[in-house]
Amino acid sequence: MDESVNPRLDRLFSALADSTRRSILMKLTNGDEGVMELAAPFDMSQPAISRHIKVLEAAGLVTRHRQGTHRMCRLAPDALGEIEPWLDIIADRYRSNYNRLDAVLETMKPSQQGDD
């Protein structure tokens, strides 16, 4: 399958495209957080943060569970593991192209023979 046409990757990258959602993910790297705690550093309402969390949840980046009366959010790192192989392919192709360019440029260097 052509990895550039992958609805799962589209959802992941779309979810990661927003800086608020990336900030939420960074906060969750420290452990589970309640929705209210996640909303605290942002100048937006709790419903707005909940919409961001739903996008992250739909992408498989976050899971939610109840802890007493609180709705807690947890990072789901397996989803990020799906992005890594795709990024590796891009990086490998980039390096390969860069190495070919280096080889071509090397052949274009003037000769180092002296004119003595």
PDB file of N, CA and C in Angstrom:
ATOM      1  N   MET A   1       0.842  -1.187   0.000  1.00  0.00           N
ATOM      2  CA  MET A   1       0.000   0.000   0.000  1.00  0.00           C
ATOM      3  C   MET A   1       0.883   1.244   0.000  1.00  0.00           C
ATOM      4  N   ASP A   2       0.484   2.242  -0.751  1.00  0.00           N
ATOM      5  CA  ASP A   2       1.203   3.506  -0.792  1.00  0.00           C
ATOM      6  C   ASP A   2       0.979   4.225   0.535  1.00  0.00           C
ATOM      7  N   GLU A   3       2.046   4.373   1.315  1.00  0.00           N
ATOM      8  CA  GLU A   3       1.930   4.981   2.640  1.00  0.00           C
ATOM      9  C   GLU A   3       1.541   6.455   2.589  1.00  0.00           C
ATOM     10  N   SER A   4       1.667   7.089   1.408  1.00  0.00           N
ATOM     11  CA  SER A   4       1.259   8.485   1.323  1.00  0.00           C
ATOM     12  C   SER A   4      -0.262   8.612   1.250  1.00  0.00           C
ATOM     13  N   VAL A   5      -0.961   7.504   0.972  1.00  0.00           N
ATOM     14  CA  VAL A   5      -2.419   7.488   0.945  1.00  0.00           C
ATOM     15  C   VAL A   5      -2.873   6.565   2.068  1.00  0.00           C
ATOM     16  N   ASN A   6      -2.961   7.114   3.262  1.00  0.00           N
ATOM     17  CA  ASN A   6      -3.274   6.319   4.437  1.00  0.00           C
ATOM     18  C   ASN A   6      -4.169   7.155   5.352  1.00  0.00           C
ATOM     19  N   PRO A   7      -5.470   6.860   5.408  1.00  0.00           N
ATOM     20  CA  PRO A   7      -6.385   7.660   6.223  1.00  0.00           C
ATOM     21  C   PRO A   7      -5.972   7.743   7.696  1.00  0.00           C
ATOM     22  N   ARG A   8      -5.373   6.691   8.211  1.00  0.00           N
ATOM     23  CA  ARG A   8      -4.928   6.692   9.610  1.00  0.00           C
ATOM     24  C   ARG A   8      -3.843   7.751   9.818  1.00  0.00           C
ATOM     25  N   LEU A   9      -2.860   7.790   8.913  1.00  0.00           N
ATOM     26  CA  LEU A   9      -1.819   8.816   9.001  1.00  0.00           C
ATOM     27  C   LEU A   9      -2.411  10.206   8.830  1.00  0.00           C
ATOM     28  N   ASP A  10      -3.394  10.341   7.948  1.00  0.00           N
ATOM     29  CA  ASP A  10      -4.043  11.641   7.755  1.00  0.00           C
ATOM     30  C   ASP A  10      -4.649  12.140   9.059  1.00  0.00           C
ATOM     31  N   ARG A  11      -5.340  11.248   9.787  1.00  0.00           N
ATOM     32  CA  ARG A  11      -5.947  11.637  11.070  1.00  0.00           C
ATOM     33  C   ARG A  11      -4.880  12.023  12.088  1.00  0.00           C
ATOM     34  N   LEU A  12      -3.799  11.248  12.127  1.00  0.00           N
ATOM     35  CA  LEU A  12      -2.726  11.547  13.078  1.00  0.00           C
ATOM     36  C   LEU A  12      -2.087  12.900  12.785  1.00  0.00           C
ATOM     37  N   PHE A  13      -1.712  13.124  11.530  1.00  0.00           N
ATOM     38  CA  PHE A  13      -1.066  14.391  11.186  1.00  0.00           C
ATOM     39  C   PHE A  13      -2.025  15.567  11.336  1.00  0.00           C
ATOM     40  N   SER A  14      -3.291  15.359  11.027  1.00  0.00           N
ATOM     41  CA  SER A  14      -4.278  16.421  11.199  1.00  0.00           C
ATOM     42  C   SER A  14      -4.409  16.789  12.679  1.00  0.00           C
ATOM     43  N   ALA A  15      -4.447  15.785  13.535  1.00  0.00           N
ATOM     44  CA  ALA A  15      -4.538  16.045  14.975  1.00  0.00           C
ATOM     45  C   ALA A  15      -3.294  16.766  15.481  1.00  0.00           C
ATOM     46  N   LEU A  16      -2.139  16.413  14.945  1.00  0.00           N
ATOM     47  CA  LEU A  16      -0.879  17.025  15.383  1.00  0.00           C
ATOM     48  C   LEU A  16      -0.634  18.396  14.762  1.00  0.00           C
ATOM     49  N   ALA A  17      -1.449  18.784  13.800  1.00  0.00           N
ATOM     50  CA  ALA A  17      -1.241  20.053  13.097  1.00  0.00           C
ATOM     51  C   ALA A  17      -1.572  21.265  13.960  1.00  0.00           C
ATOM     52  N   ASP A  18      -2.294  21.067  15.041  1.00  0.00           N
ATOM     53  CA  ASP A  18      -2.720  22.179  15.891  1.00  0.00           C
ATOM     54  C   ASP A  18      -1.806  22.303  17.106  1.00  0.00           C
ATOM     55  N   SER A  19      -1.325  23.514  17.371  1.00  0.00           N
ATOM     56  CA  SER A  19      -0.378  23.719  18.479  1.00  0.00           C
ATOM     57  C   SER A  19      -1.007  23.440  19.842  1.00  0.00           C
ATOM     58  N   THR A  20      -2.298  23.721  20.005  1.00  0.00           N
ATOM     59  CA  THR A  20      -2.960  23.427  21.284  1.00  0.00           C
ATOM     60  C   THR A  20      -2.963  21.927  21.531  1.00  0.00           C
ATOM     61  N   ARG A  21      -3.274  21.159  20.505  1.00  0.00           N
ATOM     62  CA  ARG A  21      -3.297  19.704  20.674  1.00  0.00           C
ATOM     63  C   ARG A  21      -1.901  19.156  20.944  1.00  0.00           C
ATOM     64  N   ARG A  22      -0.890  19.716  20.291  1.00  0.00           N
ATOM     65  CA  ARG A  22       0.482  19.276  20.584  1.00  0.00           C
ATOM     66  C   ARG A  22       0.844  19.616  22.031  1.00  0.00           C
ATOM     67  N   SER A  23       0.407  20.768  22.519  1.00  0.00           N
ATOM     68  CA  SER A  23       0.674  21.144  23.917  1.00  0.00           C
ATOM     69  C   SER A  23      -0.024  20.195  24.885  1.00  0.00           C
ATOM     70  N   ILE A  24      -1.238  19.810  24.550  1.00  0.00           N
ATOM     71  CA  ILE A  24      -1.967  18.845  25.387  1.00  0.00           C
ATOM     72  C   ILE A  24      -1.193  17.533  25.442  1.00  0.00           C
ATOM     73  N   LEU A  25      -0.719  17.066  24.299  1.00  0.00           N
ATOM     74  CA  LEU A  25       0.063  15.821  24.278  1.00  0.00           C
ATOM     75  C   LEU A  25       1.318  15.951  25.129  1.00  0.00           C
ATOM     76  N   MET A  26       1.995  17.089  25.039  1.00  0.00           N
ATOM     77  CA  MET A  26       3.205  17.294  25.851  1.00  0.00           C
ATOM     78  C   MET A  26       2.873  17.227  27.338  1.00  0.00           C
ATOM     79  N   LYS A  27       1.761  17.849  27.747  1.00  0.00           N
ATOM     80  CA  LYS A  27       1.356  17.781  29.161  1.00  0.00           C
ATOM     81  C   LYS A  27       1.101  16.339  29.581  1.00  0.00           C
ATOM     82  N   LEU A  28       0.524  15.557  28.684  1.00  0.00           N
ATOM     83  CA  LEU A  28       0.191  14.174  29.023  1.00  0.00           C
ATOM     84  C   LEU A  28       1.411  13.267  29.080  1.00  0.00           C
ATOM     85  N   THR A  29       2.559  13.731  28.589  1.00  0.00           N
ATOM     86  CA  THR A  29       3.774  12.921  28.730  1.00  0.00           C
ATOM     87  C   THR A  29       4.190  12.825  30.190  1.00  0.00           C
ATOM     88  N   ASN A  30       3.681  13.727  31.032  1.00  0.00           N
ATOM     89  CA  ASN A  30       3.983  13.701  32.467  1.00  0.00           C
ATOM     90  C   ASN A  30       3.023  12.817  33.248  1.00  0.00           C
ATOM     91  N   GLY A  31       2.006  12.282  32.580  1.00  0.00           N
ATOM     92  CA  GLY A  31       1.041  11.426  33.257  1.00  0.00           C
ATOM     93  C   GLY A  31      -0.382  11.860  32.965  1.00  0.00           C
ATOM     94  N   ASP A  32      -1.323  11.105  33.483  1.00  0.00           N
ATOM     95  CA  ASP A  32      -2.742  11.385  33.264  1.00  0.00           C
ATOM     96  C   ASP A  32      -3.107  12.755  33.818  1.00  0.00           C
ATOM     97  N   GLU A  33      -4.033  13.414  33.136  1.00  0.00           N
ATOM     98  CA  GLU A  33      -4.523  14.727  33.566  1.00  0.00           C
ATOM     99  C   GLU A  33      -6.032  14.766  33.375  1.00  0.00           C
ATOM    100  N   GLY A  34      -6.680  15.518  34.244  1.00  0.00           N
ATOM    101  CA  GLY A  34      -8.100  15.776  34.070  1.00  0.00           C
ATOM    102  C   GLY A  34      -8.305  16.850  33.014  1.00  0.00           C
ATOM    103  N   VAL A  35      -9.498  16.874  32.448  1.00  0.00           N
ATOM    104  CA  VAL A  35      -9.801  17.858  31.406  1.00  0.00           C
ATOM    105  C   VAL A  35      -9.635  19.271  31.942  1.00  0.00           C
ATOM    106  N   MET A  36     -10.068  19.525  33.161  1.00  0.00           N
ATOM    107  CA  MET A  36      -9.940  20.871  33.743  1.00  0.00           C
ATOM    108  C   MET A  36      -8.477  21.265  33.907  1.00  0.00           C
ATOM    109  N   GLU A  37      -7.637  20.329  34.318  1.00  0.00           N
ATOM    110  CA  GLU A  37      -6.203  20.612  34.459  1.00  0.00           C
ATOM    111  C   GLU A  37      -5.566  20.877  33.092  1.00  0.00           C
ATOM    112  N   LEU A  38      -6.010  20.145  32.092  1.00  0.00           N
ATOM    113  CA  LEU A  38      -5.486  20.361  30.742  1.00  0.00           C
ATOM    114  C   LEU A  38      -5.905  21.726  30.202  1.00  0.00           C
ATOM    115  N   ALA A  39      -7.097  22.182  30.586  1.00  0.00           N
ATOM    116  CA  ALA A  39      -7.609  23.464  30.095  1.00  0.00           C
ATOM    117  C   ALA A  39      -6.942  24.656  30.777  1.00  0.00           C
ATOM    118  N   ALA A  40      -6.417  24.462  31.989  1.00  0.00           N
ATOM    119  CA  ALA A  40      -5.912  25.580  32.803  1.00  0.00           C
ATOM    120  C   ALA A  40      -4.918  26.502  32.096  1.00  0.00           C
ATOM    121  N   PRO A  41      -3.884  26.010  31.421  1.00  0.00           N
ATOM    122  CA  PRO A  41      -2.903  26.935  30.846  1.00  0.00           C
ATOM    123  C   PRO A  41      -3.365  27.640  29.565  1.00  0.00           C
ATOM    124  N   PHE A  42      -4.520  27.275  29.051  1.00  0.00           N
ATOM    125  CA  PHE A  42      -4.985  27.837  27.784  1.00  0.00           C
ATOM    126  C   PHE A  42      -6.066  28.879  28.024  1.00  0.00           C
ATOM    127  N   ASP A  43      -6.099  29.866  27.175  1.00  0.00           N
ATOM    128  CA  ASP A  43      -7.128  30.898  27.250  1.00  0.00           C
ATOM    129  C   ASP A  43      -8.322  30.456  26.406  1.00  0.00           C
ATOM    130  N   MET A  44      -8.922  29.345  26.832  1.00  0.00           N
ATOM    131  CA  MET A  44     -10.105  28.850  26.128  1.00  0.00           C
ATOM    132  C   MET A  44     -10.979  28.088  27.111  1.00  0.00           C
ATOM    133  N   SER A  45     -12.210  27.907  26.720  1.00  0.00           N
ATOM    134  CA  SER A  45     -13.183  27.264  27.599  1.00  0.00           C
ATOM    135  C   SER A  45     -12.929  25.762  27.702  1.00  0.00           C
ATOM    136  N   GLN A  46     -13.524  25.178  28.722  1.00  0.00           N
ATOM    137  CA  GLN A  46     -13.420  23.734  28.899  1.00  0.00           C
ATOM    138  C   GLN A  46     -14.052  22.995  27.719  1.00  0.00           C
ATOM    139  N   PRO A  47     -15.202  23.464  27.174  1.00  0.00           N
ATOM    140  CA  PRO A  47     -15.743  22.782  25.988  1.00  0.00           C
ATOM    141  C   PRO A  47     -14.800  22.838  24.779  1.00  0.00           C
ATOM    142  N   ALA A  48     -14.083  23.947  24.625  1.00  0.00           N
ATOM    143  CA  ALA A  48     -13.128  24.048  23.507  1.00  0.00           C
ATOM    144  C   ALA A  48     -11.995  23.044  23.686  1.00  0.00           C
ATOM    145  N   ILE A  49     -11.485  22.918  24.911  1.00  0.00           N
ATOM    146  CA  ILE A  49     -10.433  21.931  25.185  1.00  0.00           C
ATOM    147  C   ILE A  49     -10.982  20.523  24.954  1.00  0.00           C
ATOM    148  N   SER A  50     -12.225  20.294  25.367  1.00  0.00           N
ATOM    149  CA  SER A  50     -12.836  18.976  25.158  1.00  0.00           C
ATOM    150  C   SER A  50     -12.908  18.634  23.675  1.00  0.00           C
ATOM    151  N   ARG A  51     -13.177  19.627  22.826  1.00  0.00           N
ATOM    152  CA  ARG A  51     -13.206  19.368  21.378  1.00  0.00           C
ATOM    153  C   ARG A  51     -11.815  18.972  20.880  1.00  0.00           C
ATOM    154  N   HIS A  52     -10.782  19.651  21.385  1.00  0.00           N
ATOM    155  CA  HIS A  52      -9.409  19.283  21.010  1.00  0.00           C
ATOM    156  C   HIS A  52      -9.098  17.851  21.462  1.00  0.00           C
ATOM    157  N   ILE A  53      -9.520  17.522  22.663  1.00  0.00           N
ATOM    158  CA  ILE A  53      -9.272  16.173  23.189  1.00  0.00           C
ATOM    159  C   ILE A  53     -10.004  15.129  22.341  1.00  0.00           C
ATOM    160  N   LYS A  54     -11.216  15.445  21.897  1.00  0.00           N
ATOM    161  CA  LYS A  54     -11.957  14.509  21.039  1.00  0.00           C
ATOM    162  C   LYS A  54     -11.219  14.256  19.724  1.00  0.00           C
ATOM    163  N   VAL A  55     -10.595  15.294  19.167  1.00  0.00           N
ATOM    164  CA  VAL A  55      -9.813  15.119  17.936  1.00  0.00           C
ATOM    165  C   VAL A  55      -8.629  14.192  18.212  1.00  0.00           C
ATOM    166  N   LEU A  56      -7.947  14.424  19.340  1.00  0.00           N
ATOM    167  CA  LEU A  56      -6.806  13.578  19.714  1.00  0.00           C
ATOM    168  C   LEU A  56      -7.257  12.144  19.963  1.00  0.00           C
ATOM    169  N   GLU A  57      -8.419  12.006  20.582  1.00  0.00           N
ATOM    170  CA  GLU A  57      -8.967  10.679  20.865  1.00  0.00           C
ATOM    171  C   GLU A  57      -9.341   9.962  19.561  1.00  0.00           C
ATOM    172  N   ALA A  58      -9.964  10.675  18.632  1.00  0.00           N
ATOM    173  CA  ALA A  58     -10.351  10.079  17.344  1.00  0.00           C
ATOM    174  C   ALA A  58      -9.124   9.633  16.550  1.00  0.00           C
ATOM    175  N   ALA A  59      -8.015  10.336  16.739  1.00  0.00           N
ATOM    176  CA  ALA A  59      -6.768   9.971  16.055  1.00  0.00           C
ATOM    177  C   ALA A  59      -6.046   8.838  16.771  1.00  0.00           C
ATOM    178  N   GLY A  60      -6.533   8.461  17.955  1.00  0.00           N
ATOM    179  CA  GLY A  60      -5.901   7.387  18.711  1.00  0.00           C
ATOM    180  C   GLY A  60      -4.710   7.840  19.526  1.00  0.00           C
ATOM    181  N   LEU A  61      -4.551   9.151  19.691  1.00  0.00           N
ATOM    182  CA  LEU A  61      -3.410   9.684  20.439  1.00  0.00           C
ATOM    183  C   LEU A  61      -3.682   9.798  21.932  1.00  0.00           C
ATOM    184  N   VAL A  62      -4.959   9.832  22.303  1.00  0.00           N
ATOM    185  CA  VAL A  62      -5.357  10.016  23.701  1.00  0.00           C
ATOM    186  C   VAL A  62      -6.510   9.069  23.998  1.00  0.00           C
ATOM    187  N   THR A  63      -6.523   8.551  25.215  1.00  0.00           N
ATOM    188  CA  THR A  63      -7.684   7.796  25.696  1.00  0.00           C
ATOM    189  C   THR A  63      -8.232   8.523  26.913  1.00  0.00           C
ATOM    190  N   ARG A  64      -9.519   8.323  27.172  1.00  0.00           N
ATOM    191  CA  ARG A  64     -10.139   8.937  28.355  1.00  0.00           C
ATOM    192  C   ARG A  64     -10.734   7.846  29.232  1.00  0.00           C
ATOM    193  N   HIS A  65     -10.690   8.092  30.526  1.00  0.00           N
ATOM    194  CA  HIS A  65     -11.284   7.164  31.481  1.00  0.00           C
ATOM    195  C   HIS A  65     -11.771   7.957  32.691  1.00  0.00           C
ATOM    196  N   ARG A  66     -12.635   7.336  33.453  1.00  0.00           N
ATOM    197  CA  ARG A  66     -13.155   7.976  34.672  1.00  0.00           C
ATOM    198  C   ARG A  66     -12.292   7.584  35.861  1.00  0.00           C
ATOM    199  N   GLN A  67     -12.038   8.581  36.688  1.00  0.00           N
ATOM    200  CA  GLN A  67     -11.366   8.342  37.964  1.00  0.00           C
ATOM    201  C   GLN A  67     -12.201   9.085  38.997  1.00  0.00           C
ATOM    202  N   GLY A  68     -13.059   8.347  39.660  1.00  0.00           N
ATOM    203  CA  GLY A  68     -14.010   8.995  40.559  1.00  0.00           C
ATOM    204  C   GLY A  68     -14.983   9.822  39.736  1.00  0.00           C
ATOM    205  N   THR A  69     -15.061  11.114  40.045  1.00  0.00           N
ATOM    206  CA  THR A  69     -15.958  12.003  39.300  1.00  0.00           C
ATOM    207  C   THR A  69     -15.242  12.745  38.177  1.00  0.00           C
ATOM    208  N   HIS A  70     -13.958  12.482  38.011  1.00  0.00           N
ATOM    209  CA  HIS A  70     -13.167  13.201  37.006  1.00  0.00           C
ATOM    210  C   HIS A  70     -13.003  12.383  35.726  1.00  0.00           C
ATOM    211  N   ARG A  71     -12.992  13.090  34.594  1.00  0.00           N
ATOM    212  CA  ARG A  71     -12.643  12.481  33.303  1.00  0.00           C
ATOM    213  C   ARG A  71     -11.161  12.711  33.100  1.00  0.00           C
ATOM    214  N   MET A  72     -10.402  11.630  33.093  1.00  0.00           N
ATOM    215  CA  MET A  72      -8.952  11.717  32.955  1.00  0.00           C
ATOM    216  C   MET A  72      -8.546  11.379  31.522  1.00  0.00           C
ATOM    217  N   CYS A  73      -7.471  12.021  31.091  1.00  0.00           N
ATOM    218  CA  CYS A  73      -6.921  11.766  29.761  1.00  0.00           C
ATOM    219  C   CYS A  73      -5.562  11.114  29.916  1.00  0.00           C
ATOM    220  N   ARG A  74      -5.272  10.209  28.995  1.00  0.00           N
ATOM    221  CA  ARG A  74      -4.004   9.482  29.023  1.00  0.00           C
ATOM    222  C   ARG A  74      -3.429   9.453  27.608  1.00  0.00           C
ATOM    223  N   LEU A  75      -2.134   9.643  27.522  1.00  0.00           N
ATOM    224  CA  LEU A  75      -1.440   9.557  26.246  1.00  0.00           C
ATOM    225  C   LEU A  75      -1.463   8.113  25.758  1.00  0.00           C
ATOM    226  N   ALA A  76      -1.721   7.921  24.483  1.00  0.00           N
ATOM    227  CA  ALA A  76      -1.695   6.592  23.863  1.00  0.00           C
ATOM    228  C   ALA A  76      -0.516   6.568  22.894  1.00  0.00           C
ATOM    229  N   PRO A  77       0.685   6.265  23.386  1.00  0.00           N
ATOM    230  CA  PRO A  77       1.896   6.420  22.578  1.00  0.00           C
ATOM    231  C   PRO A  77       1.995   5.491  21.378  1.00  0.00           C
ATOM    232  N   ASP A  78       1.210   4.424  21.344  1.00  0.00           N
ATOM    233  CA  ASP A  78       1.281   3.508  20.199  1.00  0.00           C
ATOM    234  C   ASP A  78       0.949   4.212  18.890  1.00  0.00           C
ATOM    235  N   ALA A  79       0.051   5.189  18.951  1.00  0.00           N
ATOM    236  CA  ALA A  79      -0.321   5.912  17.728  1.00  0.00           C
ATOM    237  C   ALA A  79       0.871   6.660  17.154  1.00  0.00           C
ATOM    238  N   LEU A  80       1.693   7.225  18.017  1.00  0.00           N
ATOM    239  CA  LEU A  80       2.880   7.932  17.531  1.00  0.00           C
ATOM    240  C   LEU A  80       3.842   6.959  16.866  1.00  0.00           C
ATOM    241  N   GLY A  81       3.836   5.723  17.317  1.00  0.00           N
ATOM    242  CA  GLY A  81       4.676   4.706  16.701  1.00  0.00           C
ATOM    243  C   GLY A  81       4.284   4.415  15.262  1.00  0.00           C
ATOM    244  N   GLU A  82       3.039   4.723  14.904  1.00  0.00           N
ATOM    245  CA  GLU A  82       2.600   4.530  13.520  1.00  0.00           C
ATOM    246  C   GLU A  82       3.179   5.593  12.598  1.00  0.00           C
ATOM    247  N   ILE A  83       3.493   6.750  13.144  1.00  0.00           N
ATOM    248  CA  ILE A  83       4.052   7.845  12.346  1.00  0.00           C
ATOM    249  C   ILE A  83       5.531   7.607  12.071  1.00  0.00           C
ATOM    250  N   GLU A  84       6.213   7.038  13.038  1.00  0.00           N
ATOM    251  CA  GLU A  84       7.669   6.882  12.953  1.00  0.00           C
ATOM    252  C   GLU A  84       8.142   6.144  11.695  1.00  0.00           C
ATOM    253  N   PRO A  85       7.548   5.001  11.324  1.00  0.00           N
ATOM    254  CA  PRO A  85       8.020   4.325  10.106  1.00  0.00           C
ATOM    255  C   PRO A  85       7.859   5.189   8.849  1.00  0.00           C
ATOM    256  N   TRP A  86       6.766   5.930   8.783  1.00  0.00           N
ATOM    257  CA  TRP A  86       6.554   6.801   7.629  1.00  0.00           C
ATOM    258  C   TRP A  86       7.618   7.895   7.582  1.00  0.00           C
ATOM    259  N   LEU A  87       7.902   8.500   8.740  1.00  0.00           N
ATOM    260  CA  LEU A  87       8.945   9.530   8.798  1.00  0.00           C
ATOM    261  C   LEU A  87      10.312   8.948   8.454  1.00  0.00           C
ATOM    262  N   ASP A  88      10.560   7.707   8.868  1.00  0.00           N
ATOM    263  CA  ASP A  88      11.829   7.048   8.531  1.00  0.00           C
ATOM    264  C   ASP A  88      11.982   6.892   7.019  1.00  0.00           C
ATOM    265  N   ILE A  89      10.889   6.542   6.343  1.00  0.00           N
ATOM    266  CA  ILE A  89      10.931   6.409   4.879  1.00  0.00           C
ATOM    267  C   ILE A  89      11.292   7.746   4.246  1.00  0.00           C
ATOM    268  N   ILE A  90      10.646   8.807   4.701  1.00  0.00           N
ATOM    269  CA  ILE A  90      10.921  10.145   4.161  1.00  0.00           C
ATOM    270  C   ILE A  90      12.373  10.526   4.426  1.00  0.00           C
ATOM    271  N   ALA A  91      12.843  10.296   5.647  1.00  0.00           N
ATOM    272  CA  ALA A  91      14.224  10.652   6.001  1.00  0.00           C
ATOM    273  C   ALA A  91      15.224   9.851   5.171  1.00  0.00           C
ATOM    274  N   ASP A  92      14.966   8.558   4.983  1.00  0.00           N
ATOM    275  CA  ASP A  92      15.869   7.723   4.174  1.00  0.00           C
ATOM    276  C   ASP A  92      15.932   8.214   2.732  1.00  0.00           C
ATOM    277  N   ARG A  93      14.780   8.551   2.177  1.00  0.00           N
ATOM    278  CA  ARG A  93      14.758   9.052   0.796  1.00  0.00           C
ATOM    279  C   ARG A  93      15.480  10.389   0.696  1.00  0.00           C
ATOM    280  N   TYR A  94      15.281  11.239   1.684  1.00  0.00           N
ATOM    281  CA  TYR A  94      15.961  12.537   1.689  1.00  0.00           C
ATOM    282  C   TYR A  94      17.475  12.338   1.742  1.00  0.00           C
ATOM    283  N   ARG A  95      17.921  11.481   2.663  1.00  0.00           N
ATOM    284  CA  ARG A  95      19.365  11.222   2.792  1.00  0.00           C
ATOM    285  C   ARG A  95      19.936  10.646   1.498  1.00  0.00           C
ATOM    286  N   SER A  96      19.198   9.742   0.874  1.00  0.00           N
ATOM    287  CA  SER A  96      19.648   9.136  -0.378  1.00  0.00           C
ATOM    288  C   SER A  96      19.795  10.197  -1.469  1.00  0.00           C
ATOM    289  N   ASN A  97      18.815  11.064  -1.591  1.00  0.00           N
ATOM    290  CA  ASN A  97      18.889  12.145  -2.583  1.00  0.00           C
ATOM    291  C   ASN A  97      20.046  13.086  -2.275  1.00  0.00           C
ATOM    292  N   TYR A  98      20.228  13.393  -1.018  1.00  0.00           N
ATOM    293  CA  TYR A  98      21.312  14.283  -0.598  1.00  0.00           C
ATOM    294  C   TYR A  98      22.671  13.650  -0.909  1.00  0.00           C
ATOM    295  N   ASN A  99      22.795  12.353  -0.648  1.00  0.00           N
ATOM    296  CA  ASN A  99      24.054  11.652  -0.934  1.00  0.00           C
ATOM    297  C   ASN A  99      24.342  11.622  -2.431  1.00  0.00           C
ATOM    298  N   ARG A 100      23.305  11.429  -3.251  1.00  0.00           N
ATOM    299  CA  ARG A 100      23.503  11.464  -4.710  1.00  0.00           C
ATOM    300  C   ARG A 100      23.942  12.850  -5.161  1.00  0.00           C
ATOM    301  N   LEU A 101      23.349  13.884  -4.576  1.00  0.00           N
ATOM    302  CA  LEU A 101      23.747  15.251  -4.912  1.00  0.00           C
ATOM    303  C   LEU A 101      25.200  15.485  -4.533  1.00  0.00           C
ATOM    304  N   ASP A 102      25.595  15.025  -3.354  1.00  0.00           N
ATOM    305  CA  ASP A 102      27.001  15.143  -2.936  1.00  0.00           C
ATOM    306  C   ASP A 102      27.933  14.478  -3.946  1.00  0.00           C
ATOM    307  N   ALA A 103      27.548  13.296  -4.424  1.00  0.00           N
ATOM    308  CA  ALA A 103      28.384  12.571  -5.383  1.00  0.00           C
ATOM    309  C   ALA A 103      28.509  13.350  -6.692  1.00  0.00           C
ATOM    310  N   VAL A 104      27.413  13.917  -7.152  1.00  0.00           N
ATOM    311  CA  VAL A 104      27.450  14.714  -8.385  1.00  0.00           C
ATOM    312  C   VAL A 104      28.318  15.946  -8.189  1.00  0.00           C
ATOM    313  N   LEU A 105      28.142  16.630  -7.080  1.00  0.00           N
ATOM    314  CA  LEU A 105      28.943  17.832  -6.811  1.00  0.00           C
ATOM    315  C   LEU A 105      30.423  17.493  -6.702  1.00  0.00           C
ATOM    316  N   GLU A 106      30.721  16.338  -6.145  1.00  0.00           N
ATOM    317  CA  GLU A 106      32.119  15.907  -6.018  1.00  0.00           C
ATOM    318  C   GLU A 106      32.755  15.743  -7.400  1.00  0.00           C
ATOM    319  N   THR A 107      32.006  15.226  -8.353  1.00  0.00           N
ATOM    320  CA  THR A 107      32.555  15.055  -9.709  1.00  0.00           C
ATOM    321  C   THR A 107      32.729  16.390 -10.421  1.00  0.00           C
ATOM    322  N   MET A 108      32.071  17.419  -9.941  1.00  0.00           N
ATOM    323  CA  MET A 108      32.149  18.732 -10.585  1.00  0.00           C
ATOM    324  C   MET A 108      33.271  19.602 -10.027  1.00  0.00           C
ATOM    325  N   LYS A 109      33.927  19.145  -8.966  1.00  0.00           N
ATOM    326  CA  LYS A 109      35.018  19.926  -8.374  1.00  0.00           C
ATOM    327  C   LYS A 109      36.162  20.037  -9.376  1.00  0.00           C
ATOM    328  N   PRO A 110      36.814  21.191  -9.406  1.00  0.00           N
ATOM    329  CA  PRO A 110      37.967  21.325 -10.299  1.00  0.00           C
ATOM    330  C   PRO A 110      39.089  20.388  -9.871  1.00  0.00           C
ATOM    331  N   SER A 111      39.864  19.979 -10.813  1.00  0.00           N
ATOM    332  CA  SER A 111      40.989  19.083 -10.566  1.00  0.00           C
ATOM    333  C   SER A 111      41.961  19.726  -9.594  1.00  0.00           C
ATOM    334  N   GLN A 112      42.565  18.926  -8.734  1.00  0.00           N
ATOM    335  CA  GLN A 112      43.524  19.423  -7.743  1.00  0.00           C
ATOM    336  C   GLN A 112      44.955  19.361  -8.262  1.00  0.00           C
ATOM    337  N   GLN A 113      45.160  19.193  -9.572  1.00  0.00           N
ATOM    338  CA  GLN A 113      46.510  19.110 -10.136  1.00  0.00           C
ATOM    339  C   GLN A 113      47.145  20.492 -10.121  1.00  0.00           C
ATOM    340  N   GLY A 114      48.410  20.525  -9.765  1.00  0.00           N
ATOM    341  CA  GLY A 114      49.145  21.794  -9.698  1.00  0.00           C
ATOM    342  C   GLY A 114      49.560  22.279 -11.076  1.00  0.00           C
ATOM    343  N   ASP A 115      49.739  23.585 -11.236  1.00  0.00           N
ATOM    344  CA  ASP A 115      50.172  24.185 -12.495  1.00  0.00           C
ATOM    345  C   ASP A 115      51.630  24.587 -12.427  1.00  0.00           C
ATOM    346  N   ASP A 116      52.444  23.947 -11.603  1.00  0.00           N
ATOM    347  CA  ASP A 116      53.851  24.334 -11.431  1.00  0.00           C
ATOM    348  C   ASP A 116      54.605  24.138 -12.655  1.00  0.00           C
TER     349      ASP A 116
END
